[in-house]
Amino acid sequence: MADQGAAASDCRIEHISFHGWEAVRLSNGLVSLVAVPDVGGRIMAYNLGEYPYLWFDRNLAGKLFTAEENMGDGSIVAWKNYGGDKTWPAPQGWDSPDQWHGPPDPVLDTGRYTLEILDSPAAAAAIRMESLPDPRTGVQISRQVTLNAGGGNVRLHLEMTNVSDQVRSWGIWDIVQVDATSHDDSGQETYNEQAWLYIPTSPDSRFSRGFNVMFGEEDNPEWQPEVRPDLLGAQYLYQLGKIGIDSTAGWIAFVNQATDFVFCQCFTYFPGEEYPDGGASVECWTTGHGEPVGGLDFGKLNLFHMEAEILGPLRSMAPGETQSLDIDWYVARCPGPIVNVTDAGCANRRLKAESIDAGIRLTGVFGLFHLGSVQLVWLDGDERTVAAETLALVNPLNVLRVDCVRRPPSGAQVAQLLLCDAQGQPISQLDSCPTR
């Protein structure tokens, strides 16, 4: 089903040069992450093995600009879109002082952040990057990044502090630009139509289709609701557009379906709180052909990426008050669509039990976020273990395809897939299903 095929190691932090920028790399033998504090505290690389998930503009590689140059004339044409992952304040807009007038923005978006290497055990590596106080929004942003050993998990702890002398209301908005580049038969870069972002929609959505078109054409073919029940698929077709989704599930998943490399983000949804942009907890922006924005024709740039964006609630902050948002990143190999995500792994097909003459047939397709093993555990009606066996050794680089026949032991009512670490200690449930 899957072999170990990869070795874990303790986490490391190294100062490196990344395409000409001073950078810091966090690695654990399986995944690596590169942060560049001088370009808005961005994470510019996040790789599983040799596979890079993040897009960055190589035309800007190694370049730094003054605050005046970063701001330019204030138009989108002046924006230095480095790429990677960054944090902004929401809502965005130019109609009132309660909206963030960016990008461009010379402090929070492209300013030079400070870097602190945090003390951590060998099983983790952590840094903190912090912006200067921003006089326009009245906030200061801190981005703490922790890589854990044994898999691809990265925890982003994002903080926003009111450094002004008045109450300010903002939401934390984190934007990942994922690489959606492919190559044509002549080797030229083009868009990857196998790049998908999967977002659960809410059955009680305030939006008639489960999402709201914020920019671009209403009938943009990239937006494909109900690729599975209550699941929206955004397929990259090099069309310019943006949607907002009032998703309550707490996860989104990017998949390059040409290679089955998956990048999942998990977050907490806060019911009852107000979210920016009419209630959006998740947004997706795609670059490509469409009406020019502020004089910029994205279709002529030939820069192929889509944005996976997570928003926290709008919260009022008194002077000196801080709000925070935690986001967990995970990577694996798994075909799309992704229909479920937990802290153990993601699923293309959930675990299913089918009765046959020889017993029951268990099937499912998964990507695992950690090195270790998956145990098949039989549970009774009170969720007590009846029996267990090792089903497969797993790692994030291999797809786990479950297809086996078993006779459930007496009293078993539930089949559970339990992820364990390399020492056999339980981590979390991957999936479960009733035996009948």
Foldseek 3Di string as FASTA:
>chain_A
DAALPFDWAFWDWDFDQDLQATWIWIDTRFWIWIFGQQFQRFTQFIDGVPRTWWDFDNVCGNDADALCQCCPPVFPVSHRCGTGKFKDWDDADDPDLLHNSDPVDSWNGGHGWDKDWDDDDRQKTKMKTKTDQDPSQQKIKIWMWMAGIFFRKIKTKIKIARQDQFKHKIKMKMKHWTAQWDADPVRDIAGQQLKKKKAFFDPPWPDPQQKAWPDFDPPPVQWAPPPPVRMIMGGAPQGWTKMFGLGQQFKMWIANQVFQKIKMKGWHADPPFAAGPRRGQWMKTFHHADDAGRPHGRNVPRGGTMMTMGIGGIDIAHHGGMDIIMMMMFIAGWHDDWDDDDLFWTWRFAWDWDQDPQAIWIWTKIAGGGFAFKKWFFAAPVRDTPDIDTDHGHGRHDIDIGTDGDHDDPRGFKIWIFGAGNVRHTDGTPHMDTND
